[in-house]
N, C-alpha and C. Protein backbone atom coordinates (compact mmCIF):
# COMPACT_ATOMS: atom_id res chain seq x y z
N UNK A 1 -26.31 -6.78 1.43
CA UNK A 1 -27.66 -6.61 1.29
C UNK A 1 -28.04 -5.16 1.30
N UNK A 2 -28.30 -3.99 -0.12
CA UNK A 2 -28.66 -2.69 -0.03
C UNK A 2 -29.93 -2.65 0.24
N UNK A 3 -29.80 -1.35 1.54
CA UNK A 3 -31.40 -1.67 1.72
C UNK A 3 -31.84 0.06 0.60
N UNK A 4 -33.48 -1.28 0.36
CA UNK A 4 -34.25 0.82 -0.67
C UNK A 4 -34.77 1.39 0.19
N UNK A 5 -34.66 2.42 -0.63
CA UNK A 5 -34.88 3.72 -0.12
C UNK A 5 -36.17 4.28 -0.99
N UNK A 6 -37.09 4.55 -0.69
CA UNK A 6 -38.44 4.94 -1.26
C UNK A 6 -38.28 6.36 -1.16
N UNK A 7 -38.82 7.19 -2.96
CA UNK A 7 -39.60 8.33 -2.42
C UNK A 7 -40.78 8.52 -2.62
N UNK A 8 -41.64 9.86 -2.39
CA UNK A 8 -42.49 10.11 -1.26
C UNK A 8 -42.51 11.81 -2.34
N UNK A 9 -42.55 11.94 -3.40
CA UNK A 9 -42.01 13.35 -3.99
C UNK A 9 -43.92 13.49 -4.57
N UNK A 10 -44.97 13.31 -4.97
CA UNK A 10 -45.84 12.98 -5.00
C UNK A 10 -46.60 11.95 -3.87
N UNK A 11 -47.77 12.19 -3.87
CA UNK A 11 -49.31 10.78 -3.28
C UNK A 11 -48.94 10.04 -4.58
N UNK A 12 -49.14 9.98 -5.31
CA UNK A 12 -49.72 9.21 -6.20
C UNK A 12 -48.42 8.26 -6.28
N UNK A 13 -46.98 8.95 -6.78
CA UNK A 13 -46.31 8.29 -6.63
C UNK A 13 -45.34 7.82 -5.67
N UNK A 14 -44.76 6.23 -5.23
CA UNK A 14 -44.37 5.28 -4.50
C UNK A 14 -43.54 4.19 -5.70
N UNK A 15 -42.51 4.90 -5.52
CA UNK A 15 -41.27 4.31 -5.81
C UNK A 15 -40.47 3.85 -5.44
N UNK A 16 -39.45 2.16 -6.10
CA UNK A 16 -38.48 2.32 -5.12
C UNK A 16 -36.72 2.65 -5.90
N UNK A 17 -36.47 3.35 -5.76
CA UNK A 17 -35.50 4.11 -7.10
C UNK A 17 -34.10 3.10 -7.05
N UNK A 18 -33.98 2.31 -6.05
CA UNK A 18 -33.42 1.05 -6.15
C UNK A 18 -33.00 0.02 -6.99
N UNK A 19 -34.68 0.12 -7.20
CA UNK A 19 -34.98 -1.28 -8.19
C UNK A 19 -35.20 -0.15 -10.35
N UNK A 20 -35.11 0.86 -9.63
CA UNK A 20 -35.65 1.14 -11.58
C UNK A 20 -33.94 1.86 -11.75
N UNK A 21 -33.45 1.58 -13.56
CA UNK A 21 -32.68 2.25 -13.59
C UNK A 21 -32.80 3.97 -13.79
N UNK A 22 -31.24 4.81 -13.80
CA UNK A 22 -31.19 5.95 -13.42
C UNK A 22 -32.66 6.71 -14.36
N UNK A 23 -32.37 6.18 -15.77
CA UNK A 23 -33.17 7.28 -16.78
C UNK A 23 -33.97 7.04 -16.12
N UNK A 24 -35.08 6.15 -15.92
CA UNK A 24 -37.00 6.52 -15.68
C UNK A 24 -36.61 7.13 -14.19
N UNK A 25 -35.66 7.38 -13.70
CA UNK A 25 -35.87 7.72 -12.08
C UNK A 25 -36.90 9.30 -12.88
N UNK A 26 -35.24 9.71 -14.24
CA UNK A 26 -35.92 11.31 -14.66
C UNK A 26 -36.34 11.35 -15.10
N UNK A 27 -36.65 10.15 -15.67
CA UNK A 27 -38.22 10.51 -17.26
C UNK A 27 -39.40 11.10 -15.94
N UNK A 28 -39.38 10.21 -14.94
CA UNK A 28 -40.73 10.20 -13.97
C UNK A 28 -40.56 12.06 -13.11
N UNK A 29 -39.12 12.06 -13.01
CA UNK A 29 -39.05 13.63 -12.11
C UNK A 29 -39.71 15.03 -13.91
N UNK A 30 -38.57 14.56 -14.65
CA UNK A 30 -39.59 15.35 -16.17
C UNK A 30 -41.29 15.12 -17.00
N UNK A 31 -41.32 14.17 -16.24
CA UNK A 31 -42.22 14.55 -16.35
C UNK A 31 -43.66 14.97 -15.25
N UNK A 32 -42.99 14.56 -13.78
CA UNK A 32 -43.22 15.85 -12.70
C UNK A 32 -43.35 17.13 -13.26
N UNK A 33 -41.97 17.86 -13.52
CA UNK A 33 -42.67 18.95 -13.58
C UNK A 33 -43.34 19.96 -15.05
N UNK A 34 -43.18 18.72 -15.81
CA UNK A 34 -44.29 18.90 -17.00
C UNK A 34 -45.70 19.04 -16.69
N UNK A 35 -46.02 18.47 -15.94
CA UNK A 35 -47.65 18.60 -15.47
C UNK A 35 -47.24 20.20 -14.55
N UNK A 36 -46.49 19.98 -13.51
CA UNK A 36 -46.08 20.79 -12.73
C UNK A 36 -46.07 22.54 -13.32
N UNK A 37 -45.67 22.75 -14.39
CA UNK A 37 -44.92 23.87 -15.48
C UNK A 37 -45.70 23.18 -16.88
N UNK A 38 -47.29 22.93 -17.23
CA UNK A 38 -47.12 22.77 -18.36
C UNK A 38 -47.87 24.18 -19.72
N UNK A 39 -47.96 24.77 -19.48
CA UNK A 39 -48.37 26.16 -19.47
C UNK A 39 -46.81 26.99 -20.68
N UNK A 40 -46.47 26.46 -19.24
CA UNK A 40 -44.53 27.17 -20.71
C UNK A 40 -44.60 25.70 -21.06
N UNK A 41 -44.19 24.45 -20.57
CA UNK A 41 -43.66 23.97 -21.50
C UNK A 41 -44.85 23.42 -23.01
N UNK A 42 -45.83 23.71 -23.02
CA UNK A 42 -46.48 23.36 -24.10
C UNK A 42 -46.36 25.47 -25.27
N UNK A 43 -45.50 26.53 -24.85
CA UNK A 43 -45.57 27.30 -25.31
C UNK A 43 -44.55 27.17 -25.93
N UNK A 44 -43.22 26.56 -24.74
CA UNK A 44 -41.73 26.13 -25.95
C UNK A 44 -42.42 24.76 -26.75
N UNK A 45 -43.28 23.53 -26.60
CA UNK A 45 -43.24 23.15 -28.08
C UNK A 45 -44.19 24.13 -29.26
N UNK A 46 -44.76 24.66 -28.99
CA UNK A 46 -45.86 25.26 -30.11
C UNK A 46 -44.60 26.03 -30.88
N UNK A 47 -44.09 26.89 -30.48
CA UNK A 47 -42.06 28.18 -30.25
C UNK A 47 -41.51 26.87 -31.16
N UNK A 48 -41.10 25.28 -31.18
CA UNK A 48 -40.17 24.37 -31.14
C UNK A 48 -41.11 24.35 -32.96
N UNK A 49 -42.27 23.91 -32.98
CA UNK A 49 -42.45 22.74 -33.52
C UNK A 49 -42.71 24.46 -35.07
N UNK A 50 -43.20 25.43 -34.85
CA UNK A 50 -43.41 26.66 -35.71
C UNK A 50 -41.75 26.52 -36.69
N UNK A 51 -40.78 27.18 -35.61
CA UNK A 51 -39.05 27.11 -36.08
C UNK A 51 -38.75 25.89 -37.10
N UNK A 52 -39.15 24.88 -35.98
CA UNK A 52 -38.31 23.64 -37.03
C UNK A 52 -39.71 22.92 -38.03
N UNK A 53 -41.02 23.69 -38.57
CA UNK A 53 -42.06 22.97 -39.41
C UNK A 53 -40.55 21.93 -39.64
N UNK A 54 -40.52 23.06 -41.00
CA UNK A 54 -39.89 22.20 -42.80
C UNK A 54 -39.04 20.36 -42.33
N UNK A 55 -38.94 20.58 -41.40
CA UNK A 55 -37.83 19.60 -41.22
C UNK A 55 -38.45 18.59 -40.57
N UNK A 56 -39.60 19.30 -39.83
CA UNK A 56 -40.13 18.01 -38.91
C UNK A 56 -41.48 17.21 -39.87
N UNK A 57 -42.24 18.47 -40.93
CA UNK A 57 -42.78 17.57 -41.55
C UNK A 57 -41.55 16.67 -42.85
N UNK A 58 -40.54 16.64 -43.01
CA UNK A 58 -39.64 15.72 -44.06
C UNK A 58 -39.19 14.38 -43.33
N UNK A 59 -39.18 14.54 -41.63
CA UNK A 59 -38.89 13.22 -41.22
C UNK A 59 -40.20 13.33 -40.34
N UNK A 60 -41.61 13.12 -41.06
CA UNK A 60 -43.09 12.70 -41.34
C UNK A 60 -42.71 12.50 -42.01
N UNK A 61 -42.41 12.52 -43.44
CA UNK A 61 -43.09 11.75 -44.34
C UNK A 61 -42.01 11.09 -44.74
N UNK A 62 -40.87 10.72 -44.18
CA UNK A 62 -40.04 10.44 -44.87
C UNK A 62 -40.42 9.09 -43.28
N UNK A 63 -40.59 9.38 -42.51
CA UNK A 63 -40.91 7.85 -41.87
C UNK A 63 -42.71 7.80 -41.77
N UNK A 64 -43.94 8.28 -42.92
CA UNK A 64 -45.13 7.00 -43.57
C UNK A 64 -44.70 6.70 -44.28
N UNK A 65 -43.30 7.07 -46.17
CA UNK A 65 -43.40 6.07 -46.58
C UNK A 65 -42.60 5.20 -46.27
N UNK A 66 -41.49 5.27 -45.38
CA UNK A 66 -40.74 3.66 -45.26
C UNK A 66 -42.32 2.63 -44.03
N UNK A 67 -43.19 3.27 -43.15
CA UNK A 67 -44.27 2.47 -42.58
C UNK A 67 -45.07 3.03 -42.79
N UNK A 68 -45.07 2.59 -44.36
CA UNK A 68 -46.87 2.84 -45.07
C UNK A 68 -47.48 1.71 -44.90
N UNK A 69 -47.01 0.59 -44.48
CA UNK A 69 -47.85 -0.40 -43.83
C UNK A 69 -48.48 -0.04 -42.38
N UNK A 70 -47.73 0.14 -41.83
CA UNK A 70 -48.55 0.44 -40.72
C UNK A 70 -49.96 2.02 -40.58
N UNK A 71 -48.84 2.50 -41.23
CA UNK A 71 -49.70 4.32 -41.40
C UNK A 71 -51.67 4.29 -41.88
N UNK A 72 -51.33 2.62 -43.12
CA UNK A 72 -52.72 2.83 -43.89
C UNK A 72 -53.63 1.60 -42.25
N UNK A 73 -52.15 1.13 -42.33
CA UNK A 73 -53.19 0.51 -41.07
C UNK A 73 -54.40 0.88 -39.60
N UNK A 74 -53.22 2.64 -39.17
CA UNK A 74 -53.60 2.54 -38.02
C UNK A 74 -54.80 3.48 -38.76
N UNK A 75 -54.76 4.55 -39.98
CA UNK A 75 -56.14 5.38 -40.36
C UNK A 75 -57.39 4.47 -40.82
N UNK A 76 -57.45 3.03 -41.21
CA UNK A 76 -58.49 2.13 -40.82
C UNK A 76 -58.95 2.26 -40.21
N UNK A 77 -58.24 1.55 -38.55
CA UNK A 77 -58.61 1.87 -37.67
C UNK A 77 -59.40 3.17 -36.70
N UNK A 78 -58.55 4.20 -37.77
CA UNK A 78 -59.00 5.32 -37.82
C UNK A 78 -60.45 5.46 -38.04
N UNK A 79 -60.75 5.08 -38.85
CA UNK A 79 -61.87 5.50 -39.57
C UNK A 79 -62.99 4.60 -39.11
N UNK A 80 -63.31 3.86 -38.90
CA UNK A 80 -63.75 2.13 -38.16
C UNK A 80 -63.85 2.74 -36.57
N UNK A 81 -63.04 2.94 -35.61
CA UNK A 81 -63.74 3.12 -34.38
C UNK A 81 -64.14 4.97 -34.05
N UNK A 82 -63.85 6.08 -35.45
CA UNK A 82 -64.99 7.71 -35.48
C UNK A 82 -65.90 7.59 -37.39
N UNK A 83 -66.51 6.39 -37.18
CA UNK A 83 -67.51 6.74 -38.58
C UNK A 83 -68.50 7.47 -38.58
N UNK A 84 -68.62 7.85 -37.36
CA UNK A 84 -70.38 8.47 -37.13
C UNK A 84 -69.45 9.91 -37.11
N UNK A 85 -69.09 10.29 -36.19
CA UNK A 85 -68.17 11.93 -36.37
C UNK A 85 -67.66 12.20 -37.66
N UNK A 86 -66.90 11.16 -37.94
CA UNK A 86 -66.47 11.61 -39.82
C UNK A 86 -67.65 11.67 -40.50
N UNK A 87 -68.05 10.55 -40.70
CA UNK A 87 -70.02 11.75 -41.27
C UNK A 87 -70.89 13.06 -41.08
N UNK A 88 -70.00 13.13 -39.96
CA UNK A 88 -70.88 13.92 -39.75
C UNK A 88 -70.59 15.60 -39.96
N UNK A 89 -69.00 15.53 -40.12
CA UNK A 89 -68.23 16.79 -40.16
C UNK A 89 -68.50 17.38 -41.84
N UNK A 90 -67.76 15.32 -42.33
CA UNK A 90 -68.32 14.97 -43.96
C UNK A 90 -70.03 16.20 -44.47
N UNK A 91 -71.04 16.13 -44.10
CA UNK A 91 -72.66 16.49 -44.04
C UNK A 91 -72.59 18.22 -43.63
N UNK A 92 -71.53 18.41 -42.24
CA UNK A 92 -71.34 19.90 -42.44
C UNK A 92 -70.46 20.40 -43.89
N UNK A 93 -69.39 20.25 -43.44
CA UNK A 93 -68.66 20.59 -45.17
C UNK A 93 -68.87 20.54 -45.51
N UNK A 94 -69.40 19.49 -46.77
CA UNK A 94 -70.29 19.52 -47.60
C UNK A 94 -71.82 20.48 -47.65
N UNK A 95 -72.96 19.88 -46.95
CA UNK A 95 -73.27 20.90 -47.10
C UNK A 95 -74.02 22.13 -46.90
N UNK A 96 -72.76 22.02 -45.62
CA UNK A 96 -73.43 22.90 -44.64
C UNK A 96 -73.85 22.84 -43.01
N UNK A 97 -74.88 21.70 -44.01
CA UNK A 97 -75.86 21.39 -42.32
C UNK A 97 -75.38 21.35 -41.20
N UNK A 98 -76.16 22.30 -40.43
CA UNK A 98 -75.87 22.53 -38.45
C UNK A 98 -75.72 20.71 -38.00
N UNK A 99 -74.41 20.56 -37.30
CA UNK A 99 -74.02 19.76 -36.83
C UNK A 99 -75.13 19.25 -35.98
N UNK A 100 -76.09 19.77 -35.79
CA UNK A 100 -77.45 18.66 -35.00
C UNK A 100 -77.66 18.52 -35.29
N UNK A 101 -77.90 18.96 -36.65
CA UNK A 101 -79.68 17.92 -38.09
C UNK A 101 -78.74 17.48 -39.02
N UNK A 102 -76.68 17.19 -38.37
CA UNK A 102 -76.44 15.74 -39.44
C UNK A 102 -76.49 14.97 -38.10
N UNK A 103 -76.25 15.92 -36.95
CA UNK A 103 -76.85 13.83 -35.92
C UNK A 103 -77.77 13.33 -36.09
N UNK A 104 -79.01 14.35 -36.23
CA UNK A 104 -80.33 13.81 -36.64
C UNK A 104 -80.70 13.13 -37.48
N UNK A 105 -79.95 13.72 -38.83
CA UNK A 105 -80.01 12.49 -39.82
C UNK A 105 -79.37 11.12 -39.85
N UNK A 106 -77.94 10.87 -39.01
CA UNK A 106 -77.56 9.71 -39.46
C UNK A 106 -78.33 8.64 -38.15
N UNK A 107 -78.95 8.84 -36.91
CA UNK A 107 -79.60 9.12 -35.88
C UNK A 107 -81.35 8.04 -37.09
N UNK A 108 -81.50 7.95 -38.05
CA UNK A 108 -82.51 8.33 -38.59
C UNK A 108 -82.49 8.11 -40.00
N UNK A 109 -81.32 7.09 -39.70
CA UNK A 109 -81.05 7.25 -41.52
C UNK A 109 -82.13 6.40 -42.63
N UNK A 110 -83.65 4.97 -41.84
CA UNK A 110 -84.13 4.88 -42.83
C UNK A 110 -85.51 5.84 -42.38
N UNK A 111 -86.67 6.02 -43.52
CA UNK A 111 -87.20 6.80 -43.35
C UNK A 111 -88.51 6.79 -44.79
N UNK A 112 -89.23 7.13 -45.02
CA UNK A 112 -90.06 7.04 -45.92
C UNK A 112 -89.45 7.63 -47.59
N UNK A 113 -89.74 8.34 -48.09
CA UNK A 113 -89.20 8.77 -49.37
C UNK A 113 -90.39 9.95 -49.89
N UNK A 114 -90.44 10.36 -50.15
CA UNK A 114 -91.28 11.39 -50.34
C UNK A 114 -92.67 10.75 -52.03
N UNK A 115 -90.97 11.09 -52.73
CA UNK A 115 -91.60 10.16 -53.21
C UNK A 115 -92.00 8.98 -53.78
N UNK A 116 -91.59 8.24 -54.04
CA UNK A 116 -92.29 6.42 -53.99
C UNK A 116 -92.71 5.83 -52.78
N UNK A 117 -92.05 6.91 -51.63
CA UNK A 117 -93.12 6.69 -50.89
C UNK A 117 -92.51 4.86 -50.02
N UNK A 118 -91.35 4.93 -50.37
CA UNK A 118 -90.84 3.61 -49.61
C UNK A 118 -90.27 4.11 -48.50
N UNK A 119 -90.18 2.91 -47.56
CA UNK A 119 -89.48 2.58 -46.50
C UNK A 119 -87.84 2.25 -47.14
N UNK A 120 -87.29 3.21 -46.64
CA UNK A 120 -85.50 2.99 -47.18
C UNK A 120 -84.55 3.35 -46.59
N UNK A 121 -83.37 3.47 -47.07
CA UNK A 121 -82.47 4.28 -45.82
C UNK A 121 -82.54 6.08 -47.61
N UNK A 122 -82.10 6.80 -46.59
CA UNK A 122 -83.04 8.27 -46.79
C UNK A 122 -81.04 9.02 -46.62
N UNK A 123 -81.60 9.86 -48.20
CA UNK A 123 -79.95 10.66 -48.13
C UNK A 123 -80.38 11.90 -48.65
N UNK A 124 -79.33 12.82 -48.53
CA UNK A 124 -79.58 15.25 -49.24
C UNK A 124 -80.07 14.70 -50.20
N UNK A 125 -80.96 15.00 -50.03
CA UNK A 125 -80.73 16.16 -51.09
C UNK A 125 -80.77 16.68 -52.15
N UNK A 126 -80.39 18.58 -52.27
CA UNK A 126 -79.88 19.72 -52.62
C UNK A 126 -79.46 19.91 -54.28
N UNK A 127 -79.65 21.33 -54.00
CA UNK A 127 -80.31 21.97 -55.51
C UNK A 127 -78.52 22.24 -55.93
N UNK A 128 -77.32 21.29 -56.35
CA UNK A 128 -76.75 21.51 -57.33
C UNK A 128 -75.73 23.13 -56.95
N UNK A 129 -76.79 23.68 -58.14
CA UNK A 129 -76.68 25.12 -58.09
C UNK A 129 -76.30 26.08 -57.22
N UNK A 130 -77.11 25.69 -55.99
CA UNK A 130 -77.44 26.41 -55.01
C UNK A 130 -76.57 26.30 -54.19
N UNK A 131 -77.49 24.88 -53.87
CA UNK A 131 -76.30 24.51 -52.75
C UNK A 131 -76.92 23.78 -51.63
N UNK A 132 -78.77 24.80 -51.92
CA UNK A 132 -79.62 24.15 -50.73
C UNK A 132 -80.29 23.19 -50.48
N UNK A 133 -80.68 22.60 -49.39
CA UNK A 133 -80.64 21.49 -49.24
C UNK A 133 -82.49 21.62 -49.70
N UNK A 134 -82.99 20.45 -50.08
CA UNK A 134 -84.76 20.58 -49.94
C UNK A 134 -84.95 19.08 -49.60
N UNK A 135 -83.75 18.52 -49.10
CA UNK A 135 -85.00 17.04 -47.62
C UNK A 135 -83.99 15.73 -47.93
N UNK A 136 -84.24 14.92 -48.00
CA UNK A 136 -84.14 13.43 -47.55
C UNK A 136 -84.99 12.60 -48.68
N UNK A 137 -84.08 11.79 -50.00
CA UNK A 137 -84.90 11.57 -49.85
C UNK A 137 -84.57 10.14 -50.51
N UNK A 138 -84.72 8.65 -51.68
CA UNK A 138 -84.59 7.62 -51.15
C UNK A 138 -82.92 7.91 -51.99
N UNK A 139 -82.84 6.98 -52.87
CA UNK A 139 -81.19 7.37 -53.36
C UNK A 139 -81.43 7.22 -54.83
N UNK A 140 -82.18 6.55 -54.53
CA UNK A 140 -82.93 5.89 -56.41
C UNK A 140 -83.70 7.14 -56.65
N UNK A 141 -84.71 7.63 -56.07
CA UNK A 141 -85.27 8.89 -56.23
C UNK A 141 -84.00 10.18 -56.29
N UNK A 142 -83.37 9.93 -55.94
CA UNK A 142 -82.36 11.37 -55.80
C UNK A 142 -81.55 10.48 -56.81
N UNK A 143 -81.48 10.24 -57.10
CA UNK A 143 -81.08 9.33 -58.32
C UNK A 143 -81.20 10.39 -59.97
N UNK A 144 -82.33 9.80 -59.82
CA UNK A 144 -83.45 10.07 -61.23
C UNK A 144 -83.64 11.64 -61.50
N UNK A 145 -83.27 12.56 -59.85
CA UNK A 145 -82.81 13.43 -59.84
C UNK A 145 -82.39 14.30 -60.56
N UNK A 146 -80.90 13.95 -60.36
CA UNK A 146 -79.71 14.08 -60.82
C UNK A 146 -79.58 13.76 -62.00
N UNK A 147 -79.80 12.62 -62.73
CA UNK A 147 -80.40 12.26 -64.43
C UNK A 147 -80.75 13.45 -64.98
N UNK A 148 -81.61 14.33 -64.53
CA UNK A 148 -82.49 14.40 -65.25
C UNK A 148 -81.50 16.31 -64.63
N UNK A 149 -80.58 16.27 -64.25
CA UNK A 149 -80.44 17.21 -64.41
C UNK A 149 -81.30 18.57 -63.32
N UNK A 150 -82.01 18.19 -62.33
CA UNK A 150 -82.89 18.93 -61.63
C UNK A 150 -84.31 19.53 -63.23
N UNK A 151 -83.91 19.77 -64.48
CA UNK A 151 -85.38 20.13 -64.75
C UNK A 151 -86.56 19.22 -64.76
N UNK A 152 -87.34 20.23 -64.72
CA UNK A 152 -88.48 19.48 -63.48
C UNK A 152 -89.06 19.45 -65.29
N UNK A 153 -89.67 20.14 -66.85
CA UNK A 153 -90.23 19.66 -67.28
C UNK A 153 -89.13 18.12 -68.38
N UNK A 154 -88.47 18.43 -67.72
CA UNK A 154 -87.74 16.72 -68.68
C UNK A 154 -88.08 15.41 -67.61
N UNK A 155 -88.65 15.72 -66.73
CA UNK A 155 -88.93 14.88 -66.10
C UNK A 155 -90.36 14.52 -65.59
N UNK A 156 -91.12 15.64 -66.19
CA UNK A 156 -92.55 15.46 -66.57
C UNK A 156 -93.16 14.95 -68.10
N UNK A 157 -91.93 15.04 -69.00
CA UNK A 157 -91.81 14.15 -70.51
C UNK A 157 -91.61 13.02 -70.22
N UNK A 158 -90.79 12.63 -68.85
CA UNK A 158 -90.22 10.83 -68.61
C UNK A 158 -91.66 10.74 -68.01
N UNK A 159 -92.11 11.08 -67.18
CA UNK A 159 -93.79 10.79 -67.61
C UNK A 159 -94.90 11.06 -67.78
N UNK A 160 -94.59 11.22 -68.17
CA UNK A 160 -96.17 11.54 -69.83
C UNK A 160 -94.82 9.80 -70.87
N UNK A 161 -94.61 9.87 -70.70
CA UNK A 161 -94.14 8.52 -71.56
C UNK A 161 -94.12 7.08 -70.83
N UNK A 162 -93.73 7.19 -69.82
CA UNK A 162 -93.96 6.51 -68.91
C UNK A 162 -95.75 5.93 -69.13
N UNK A 163 -96.44 6.89 -68.80
CA UNK A 163 -98.02 7.17 -68.35
C UNK A 163 -98.62 6.59 -70.74
N UNK A 164 -97.98 7.18 -71.05
CA UNK A 164 -98.76 6.51 -71.66
C UNK A 164 -97.82 4.63 -72.70
N UNK A 165 -97.51 4.38 -72.05
CA UNK A 165 -96.77 2.64 -72.18
C UNK A 165 -97.54 1.93 -70.90
N UNK A 166 -98.22 2.73 -70.23
CA UNK A 166 -98.64 1.93 -68.53
C UNK A 166 -99.65 1.19 -68.95
N UNK A 167 -100.71 1.26 -70.51
CA UNK A 167 -101.41 0.51 -70.59
C UNK A 167 -100.74 -0.62 -71.77
N UNK A 168 -99.99 -0.73 -72.46
CA UNK A 168 -99.45 -1.96 -73.13
C UNK A 168 -98.89 -2.95 -71.55
N UNK A 169 -98.43 -2.54 -70.72
CA UNK A 169 -97.72 -3.80 -70.06
C UNK A 169 -98.36 -4.48 -68.96
């Protein structure tokens, strides 16, 4: 019977070398070297990715085409796990909303709409020409303004029309 030798090259790493195939020992040594010389490894990886960009993109595209279902499943899981982070990024990109305000908007989704005065989930209302954020409205009131093309005269005429027929209802 062979005597097992141990290696204590790292205080956290205690292995019985004879119990492992040689590739595992090499993997461990390689990992240890990469950790010790991480800056050099990262520089090499960056240079390699830049040099082989076209080939890498082709290989990745081929893998995605072959494993379409796995990619979709991963994307779905990622979106579920990072729902809030994705929404904050969308608000920041779409409206130029500072990140702290985007987070506040997501943390207080329900509020009182300043037009209809109902407690509902609020969305961001913005001016379509300038992109300026006007405030938060319920979805119905936001759509009302949008369908009226943000035209005050049109909304005033609509209010007068409704007032005319209110006494008949």
